[in-house]
Amino acid sequence: MNKWPKPPTVRGRYQGVLQIFRYNWPYYAVGAPAGLLGLGVVALAPIPTVPKVLIALGSSCVIAGAITSLVVSHYIYDLSPLCQRRWIVETLPERPKHWVNIHAGLDETSGALARLFPEARAKVWEIYDPAAMTEPSIARARRLASCEGAATHVDFRRLPLQDCACDTIFVIFTAHELRSAQARRRFFKELHRVVKPRGHLLLVEHLRDLKNFLAFGPGFFHFYPRRQWVLLANEAGFAIAKEFNITPFVRVFLLVRPAQSA
């Protein structure tokens, strides 16, 4: 049975977008003032027309990018079906009997999973490794976030379960924090080892694609292309059972360990 306390289900109306702002505040603290400064220079400084137009365009793009990223974040993390979690039940072919939720120190799903599957055995693991997760945003998120319950810190290279021990693993907005391809391959090999044949891995990620570029600008380089996730899954021994978008900006992969997989 699940042993951590269940948090309230009610989220603040702007909780998601405020979290994104807090975790990435240097981008907004530098970008918005720089954009406003550029527009001020255009309005007040006697500079030639061509540089003036270029500065105005660049400054406007910076300001628009900051606003757009917050608007899209509000849609994704506060308003979309992603927040309701019922889609998880609809995605899985059967209810888990033993699930594991893996995060990097920012956990907003374990409580919901415990409520969705109260009869299942559950484990919550935190795999943060500063040597492998080098982006400043995840370090800030860990400092600022209040996780939903107690998690066991584990090494993503050696997950503390026997082979074929659980039937469902959730890795939601976590795997991309491992910044090297080698680390991600090692992690996925371990996920494949501990999940049972015909068991499932639910992977949720933003993709490095045009839609996320338009939403987050250069921040989309923090994500990885779809082809990398597909290749990673195949190399680890998973097959893709189901794949779909939940919002235009978030991709869900339901991976399965084939029955004959070694």
Protein backbone atom coordinates (compact mmCIF):
# COMPACT_ATOMS: atom_id res chain seq x y z
CA MET A 1 0.00 0.00 0.00
CA ASN A 2 1.00 3.62 -0.45
CA LYS A 3 2.63 5.07 2.64
CA TRP A 4 3.14 8.75 1.89
CA PRO A 5 0.49 11.34 2.79
CA LYS A 6 -1.99 12.22 0.07
CA PRO A 7 -1.97 15.95 -0.71
CA PRO A 8 -5.08 17.94 -1.56
CA THR A 9 -6.18 17.55 -5.15
CA VAL A 10 -6.92 21.25 -5.65
CA ARG A 11 -4.20 23.17 -7.49
CA GLY A 12 -3.85 26.91 -7.50
CA ARG A 13 -5.28 28.54 -10.62
CA TYR A 14 -1.83 29.71 -11.74
CA GLN A 15 0.33 27.19 -9.90
CA GLY A 16 1.91 25.68 -12.99
CA VAL A 17 2.90 28.90 -14.71
CA LEU A 18 4.19 30.39 -11.46
CA GLN A 19 6.40 27.36 -10.98
CA ILE A 20 7.81 27.71 -14.49
CA PHE A 21 8.56 31.37 -13.79
CA ARG A 22 10.29 30.58 -10.49
CA TYR A 23 12.40 27.75 -11.91
CA ASN A 24 13.49 29.82 -14.92
CA TRP A 25 13.47 33.31 -13.44
CA PRO A 26 16.95 34.32 -14.74
CA TYR A 27 15.67 34.06 -18.31
CA TYR A 28 12.75 36.37 -17.54
CA ALA A 29 14.81 38.66 -15.31
CA VAL A 30 17.31 39.27 -18.11
CA GLY A 31 15.17 38.91 -21.22
CA ALA A 32 12.26 41.22 -20.45
CA PRO A 33 14.37 44.19 -19.21
CA ALA A 34 16.75 43.75 -22.14
CA GLY A 35 13.83 43.85 -24.55
CA LEU A 36 12.38 46.95 -22.92
CA LEU A 37 15.79 48.60 -22.94
CA GLY A 38 16.11 47.90 -26.65
CA LEU A 39 12.73 49.48 -27.35
CA GLY A 40 13.74 52.46 -25.25
CA VAL A 41 16.91 52.89 -27.30
CA VAL A 42 14.88 52.73 -30.50
CA ALA A 43 12.46 55.36 -29.23
CA LEU A 44 15.00 57.81 -27.81
CA ALA A 45 18.41 57.35 -29.42
CA PRO A 46 19.30 59.05 -32.73
CA ILE A 47 20.48 55.96 -34.60
CA PRO A 48 20.22 55.05 -38.31
CA THR A 49 17.07 53.45 -39.64
CA VAL A 50 18.41 49.95 -40.35
CA PRO A 51 19.95 49.38 -36.88
CA LYS A 52 16.83 50.90 -35.34
CA VAL A 53 14.59 48.43 -37.16
CA LEU A 54 16.81 45.48 -36.24
CA ILE A 55 16.94 46.48 -32.58
CA ALA A 56 13.17 46.98 -32.52
CA LEU A 57 12.55 43.57 -34.09
CA GLY A 58 14.99 41.80 -31.77
CA SER A 59 13.64 43.49 -28.67
CA SER A 60 10.04 42.76 -29.65
CA CYS A 61 10.88 39.10 -30.25
CA VAL A 62 12.51 38.80 -26.81
CA ILE A 63 9.50 40.33 -25.05
CA ALA A 64 7.00 38.35 -27.12
CA GLY A 65 8.94 35.15 -26.47
CA ALA A 66 8.85 35.65 -22.71
CA ILE A 67 5.11 36.35 -22.75
CA THR A 68 4.36 33.46 -25.09
CA SER A 69 6.29 30.95 -22.98
CA LEU A 70 4.31 31.93 -19.88
CA VAL A 71 0.96 31.82 -21.70
CA VAL A 72 1.74 28.37 -23.12
CA SER A 73 2.99 27.15 -19.73
CA HIS A 74 -0.27 28.30 -18.14
CA TYR A 75 -2.22 26.38 -20.77
CA ILE A 76 -0.15 23.20 -20.40
CA TYR A 77 0.31 23.03 -16.64
CA ASP A 78 -2.86 24.73 -15.37
CA LEU A 79 -5.64 24.33 -17.95
CA SER A 80 -5.00 21.28 -20.14
CA PRO A 81 -6.08 17.65 -19.59
CA LEU A 82 -2.47 16.92 -18.58
CA CYS A 83 -3.27 18.29 -15.12
CA GLN A 84 -6.30 16.05 -14.56
CA ARG A 85 -4.33 12.75 -14.69
CA ARG A 86 -7.36 10.72 -15.78
CA TRP A 87 -5.66 10.28 -19.15
CA ILE A 88 -3.19 7.98 -17.40
CA VAL A 89 -5.94 5.47 -16.63
CA GLU A 90 -7.22 5.70 -20.19
CA THR A 91 -3.73 5.16 -21.63
CA LEU A 92 -2.75 2.05 -19.67
CA PRO A 93 -4.24 -1.23 -20.92
CA GLU A 94 -4.83 -2.41 -17.35
CA ARG A 95 -4.55 -1.10 -13.83
CA PRO A 96 -1.07 -1.51 -12.33
CA LYS A 97 -0.51 -3.92 -9.47
CA HIS A 98 3.00 -2.64 -8.69
CA TRP A 99 4.05 0.74 -10.04
CA VAL A 100 7.11 2.93 -9.68
CA ASN A 101 7.13 6.69 -10.20
CA ILE A 102 10.54 8.21 -10.98
CA HIS A 103 11.31 11.92 -10.78
CA ALA A 104 14.31 14.22 -10.43
CA GLY A 105 13.20 16.07 -7.32
CA LEU A 106 10.08 17.74 -8.70
CA ASP A 107 7.15 15.43 -8.00
CA GLU A 108 3.59 16.41 -8.83
CA THR A 109 2.32 12.99 -9.87
CA SER A 110 2.82 10.49 -7.05
CA GLY A 111 -0.19 11.69 -5.06
CA ALA A 112 -2.40 11.54 -8.14
CA LEU A 113 -1.12 8.05 -9.00
CA ALA A 114 -1.83 6.88 -5.46
CA ARG A 115 -5.40 8.12 -5.78
CA LEU A 116 -5.85 6.60 -9.24
CA PHE A 117 -4.47 3.20 -8.20
CA PRO A 118 -5.02 2.93 -4.42
CA GLU A 119 -4.95 -0.87 -4.44
CA ALA A 120 -1.51 -1.14 -6.05
CA ARG A 121 1.91 -1.49 -4.45
CA ALA A 122 3.83 1.70 -5.10
CA LYS A 123 7.34 3.08 -4.98
CA VAL A 124 8.52 6.65 -5.55
CA TRP A 125 12.15 7.18 -6.54
CA GLU A 126 14.12 10.37 -6.97
CA ILE A 127 17.12 10.08 -9.30
CA TYR A 128 18.66 13.56 -9.19
CA ASP A 129 22.38 13.43 -9.94
CA PRO A 130 24.13 16.82 -10.27
CA ALA A 131 26.88 15.29 -12.40
CA ALA A 132 24.37 13.93 -14.93
CA MET A 133 21.69 16.63 -14.60
CA THR A 134 23.64 19.79 -15.23
CA GLU A 135 20.94 22.33 -16.14
CA PRO A 136 20.53 25.11 -13.54
CA SER A 137 16.73 24.99 -13.83
CA ILE A 138 16.42 21.53 -12.27
CA ALA A 139 18.68 22.53 -9.38
CA ARG A 140 16.49 25.60 -8.76
CA ALA A 141 13.35 23.50 -9.03
CA ARG A 142 14.62 21.10 -6.40
CA ARG A 143 15.40 23.97 -4.03
CA LEU A 144 12.05 25.67 -4.50
CA ALA A 145 9.64 22.79 -4.98
CA SER A 146 7.65 21.08 -2.28
CA CYS A 147 7.33 17.46 -3.34
CA GLU A 148 4.12 15.52 -2.79
CA GLY A 149 5.61 12.95 -0.45
CA ALA A 150 8.69 11.11 0.66
CA ALA A 151 10.76 9.61 -2.13
CA THR A 152 13.71 7.25 -1.98
CA HIS A 153 16.84 8.61 -3.63
CA VAL A 154 18.27 5.99 -5.98
CA ASP A 155 21.04 5.73 -8.56
CA PHE A 156 19.52 5.76 -12.06
CA ARG A 157 22.37 3.45 -13.16
CA ARG A 158 21.40 0.73 -10.63
CA LEU A 159 17.72 0.79 -9.77
CA PRO A 160 17.03 -1.06 -6.50
CA LEU A 161 14.65 -3.72 -7.82
CA GLN A 162 15.13 -7.27 -8.95
CA ASP A 163 14.67 -8.16 -12.60
CA CYS A 164 11.05 -8.10 -13.82
CA ALA A 165 9.78 -6.82 -10.47
CA CYS A 166 7.13 -4.21 -11.39
CA ASP A 167 4.47 -3.94 -14.07
CA THR A 168 4.34 -0.17 -14.65
CA ILE A 169 6.89 2.64 -14.47
CA PHE A 170 6.08 6.34 -14.78
CA VAL A 171 8.79 8.73 -16.01
CA ILE A 172 7.04 12.07 -16.46
CA PHE A 173 9.08 15.12 -17.51
CA THR A 174 12.19 13.53 -16.00
CA ALA A 175 14.29 11.60 -18.53
CA HIS A 176 15.38 14.71 -20.46
CA GLU A 177 17.14 16.00 -17.34
CA LEU A 178 19.83 13.38 -18.01
CA ARG A 179 21.86 15.49 -20.41
CA SER A 180 24.14 12.86 -21.95
CA ALA A 181 22.97 10.18 -24.35
CA GLN A 182 25.05 7.62 -22.45
CA ALA A 183 23.25 8.40 -19.18
CA ARG A 184 19.85 8.12 -20.84
CA ARG A 185 20.78 4.78 -22.41
CA ARG A 186 21.94 3.42 -19.05
CA PHE A 187 18.74 4.62 -17.40
CA PHE A 188 16.49 3.03 -20.03
CA LYS A 189 18.39 -0.25 -19.83
CA GLU A 190 17.65 -0.30 -16.10
CA LEU A 191 13.99 0.53 -16.69
CA HIS A 192 13.79 -2.37 -19.12
CA ARG A 193 15.46 -4.69 -16.60
CA VAL A 194 13.09 -4.02 -13.70
CA VAL A 195 9.79 -4.00 -15.60
CA LYS A 196 8.05 -7.31 -16.24
CA PRO A 197 7.55 -8.77 -19.72
CA ARG A 198 4.38 -7.14 -21.08
CA GLY A 199 4.90 -4.40 -18.48
CA HIS A 200 4.76 -0.73 -19.42
CA LEU A 201 6.82 2.43 -19.19
CA LEU A 202 4.82 5.65 -19.47
CA LEU A 203 7.19 8.32 -20.76
CA VAL A 204 6.04 11.95 -21.01
CA GLU A 205 8.21 14.67 -22.57
CA HIS A 206 8.24 17.93 -24.45
CA LEU A 207 9.88 17.48 -27.84
CA ARG A 208 12.46 19.55 -29.65
CA ASP A 209 10.13 20.47 -32.51
CA LEU A 210 8.64 23.52 -34.21
CA LYS A 211 5.70 23.83 -31.82
CA ASN A 212 7.92 23.90 -28.75
CA PHE A 213 10.30 26.31 -30.49
CA LEU A 214 7.43 28.71 -31.13
CA ALA A 215 6.31 28.33 -27.52
CA PHE A 216 9.64 28.42 -25.69
CA GLY A 217 12.14 29.88 -28.14
CA PRO A 218 15.74 28.77 -27.51
CA GLY A 219 14.49 26.89 -24.44
CA PHE A 220 13.34 24.12 -26.75
CA PHE A 221 16.97 22.96 -26.92
CA HIS A 222 16.41 21.67 -23.37
CA PHE A 223 14.23 18.96 -24.92
CA TYR A 224 15.09 16.14 -27.34
CA PRO A 225 13.61 15.23 -30.74
CA ARG A 226 11.07 12.44 -31.02
CA ARG A 227 13.50 10.30 -33.02
CA GLN A 228 15.92 10.23 -30.08
CA TRP A 229 13.26 8.89 -27.71
CA VAL A 230 12.17 6.28 -30.24
CA LEU A 231 15.77 5.18 -30.81
CA LEU A 232 16.43 5.10 -27.08
CA ALA A 233 13.36 2.94 -26.46
CA ASN A 234 14.28 0.52 -29.23
CA GLU A 235 17.90 0.22 -28.09
CA ALA A 236 16.75 -0.59 -24.56
CA GLY A 237 14.42 -3.33 -25.81
CA PHE A 238 11.06 -1.55 -25.57
CA ALA A 239 8.38 -1.40 -28.24
CA ILE A 240 6.01 1.53 -28.66
CA ALA A 241 2.50 0.38 -27.74
CA LYS A 242 0.88 3.80 -28.01
CA GLU A 243 1.95 7.36 -28.78
CA PHE A 244 -0.02 10.61 -28.80
CA ASN A 245 0.04 14.30 -28.00
CA ILE A 246 -1.57 15.67 -24.87
CA THR A 247 -1.65 19.33 -25.88
CA PRO A 248 0.34 20.26 -29.00
CA PHE A 249 3.45 20.65 -26.84
CA VAL A 250 3.65 17.39 -24.87
CA ARG A 251 4.19 13.87 -26.21
CA VAL A 252 3.16 10.68 -24.42
CA PHE A 253 4.89 7.38 -25.19
CA LEU A 254 3.49 4.16 -23.79
CA LEU A 255 6.36 1.69 -24.09
CA VAL A 256 6.00 -2.04 -23.52
CA ARG A 257 8.58 -4.69 -22.74
CA PRO A 258 7.80 -7.50 -25.21
CA ALA A 259 6.95 -10.89 -23.76
CA GLN A 260 10.07 -12.51 -25.23
CA SER A 261 12.40 -9.62 -24.38
CA ALA A 262 15.62 -10.66 -22.66
